Amino acid sequence: MVVGTGYDIIGGKSSQFPNILTDVVVSEVMVYNGIDVSVEAIEEEPTTASWSVKAQATCATAS
């Protein structure tokens, strides 16, 4: 059973430190049937940068 969720956005940033801008935002995190997690991300600002999003689930055995 999923007891926690998380995500990581890889890439999708523009500019240089210390003025880095994030062009990609997570719009939804969903848990399905208590065993699967899905993350939806969108470009808040159009970008040519490559990006991806990774969903993470923390699970525990129900007793």
Protein backbone atom coordinates (compact mmCIF):
# COMPACT_ATOMS: atom_id res chain seq x y z
CA MET A 1 0.00 0.00 0.00
CA VAL A 2 1.32 3.46 -0.93
CA VAL A 3 1.83 5.58 2.20
CA GLY A 4 3.82 8.43 0.63
CA THR A 5 4.69 9.94 -2.74
CA GLY A 6 7.39 12.07 -4.23
CA TYR A 7 8.79 13.23 -7.53
CA ASP A 8 11.93 14.58 -9.13
CA ILE A 9 12.06 16.91 -12.13
CA ILE A 10 15.24 16.40 -14.14
CA GLY A 11 16.21 19.28 -16.43
CA GLY A 12 13.72 21.92 -17.57
CA LYS A 13 15.74 24.79 -16.16
CA SER A 14 17.08 27.89 -17.83
CA SER A 15 19.62 30.61 -17.06
CA GLN A 16 22.69 30.29 -14.85
CA PHE A 17 23.30 30.22 -11.10
CA PRO A 18 22.23 32.21 -9.10
CA ASN A 19 19.34 33.14 -11.44
CA ILE A 20 18.17 29.64 -12.39
CA LEU A 21 14.53 29.53 -13.51
CA THR A 22 12.39 26.41 -13.41
CA ASP A 23 10.25 26.10 -16.55
CA VAL A 24 8.58 22.81 -15.57
CA VAL A 25 6.09 22.34 -12.74
CA VAL A 26 4.22 19.33 -11.36
CA SER A 27 0.49 19.75 -11.89
CA GLU A 28 -0.76 16.49 -10.35
CA VAL A 29 0.33 13.51 -8.25
CA MET A 30 -2.12 10.59 -8.24
CA VAL A 31 -2.20 7.26 -6.39
CA TYR A 32 -4.12 4.47 -8.15
CA ASN A 33 -5.60 1.48 -6.32
CA GLY A 34 -3.29 2.18 -3.39
CA ILE A 35 -0.36 0.58 -5.26
CA ASP A 36 0.64 2.84 -8.19
CA VAL A 37 1.72 6.47 -8.34
CA SER A 38 1.62 8.78 -11.35
CA VAL A 39 2.97 12.32 -11.76
CA GLU A 40 1.92 14.87 -14.38
CA ALA A 41 4.25 17.77 -15.17
CA ILE A 42 3.83 20.63 -17.61
CA GLU A 43 5.93 23.44 -19.02
CA GLU A 44 4.89 26.58 -17.18
CA GLU A 45 7.06 28.52 -19.61
CA PRO A 46 7.82 27.09 -23.06
CA THR A 47 11.35 25.69 -23.07
CA THR A 48 13.68 23.99 -25.51
CA ALA A 49 15.50 22.34 -22.59
CA SER A 50 15.16 18.57 -22.26
CA TRP A 51 13.36 17.43 -19.12
CA SER A 52 11.69 14.44 -17.51
CA VAL A 53 9.83 13.66 -14.31
CA LYS A 54 10.24 10.59 -12.10
CA ALA A 55 7.52 9.40 -9.69
CA GLN A 56 8.42 7.79 -6.38
CA ALA A 57 6.21 5.80 -4.02
CA THR A 58 6.85 4.80 -0.43
CA CYS A 59 5.02 1.58 0.37
CA ALA A 60 4.20 -0.37 3.51
CA THR A 61 2.50 -3.67 4.20
CA ALA A 62 -0.98 -3.26 5.64
CA SER A 63 -1.77 -5.49 8.58
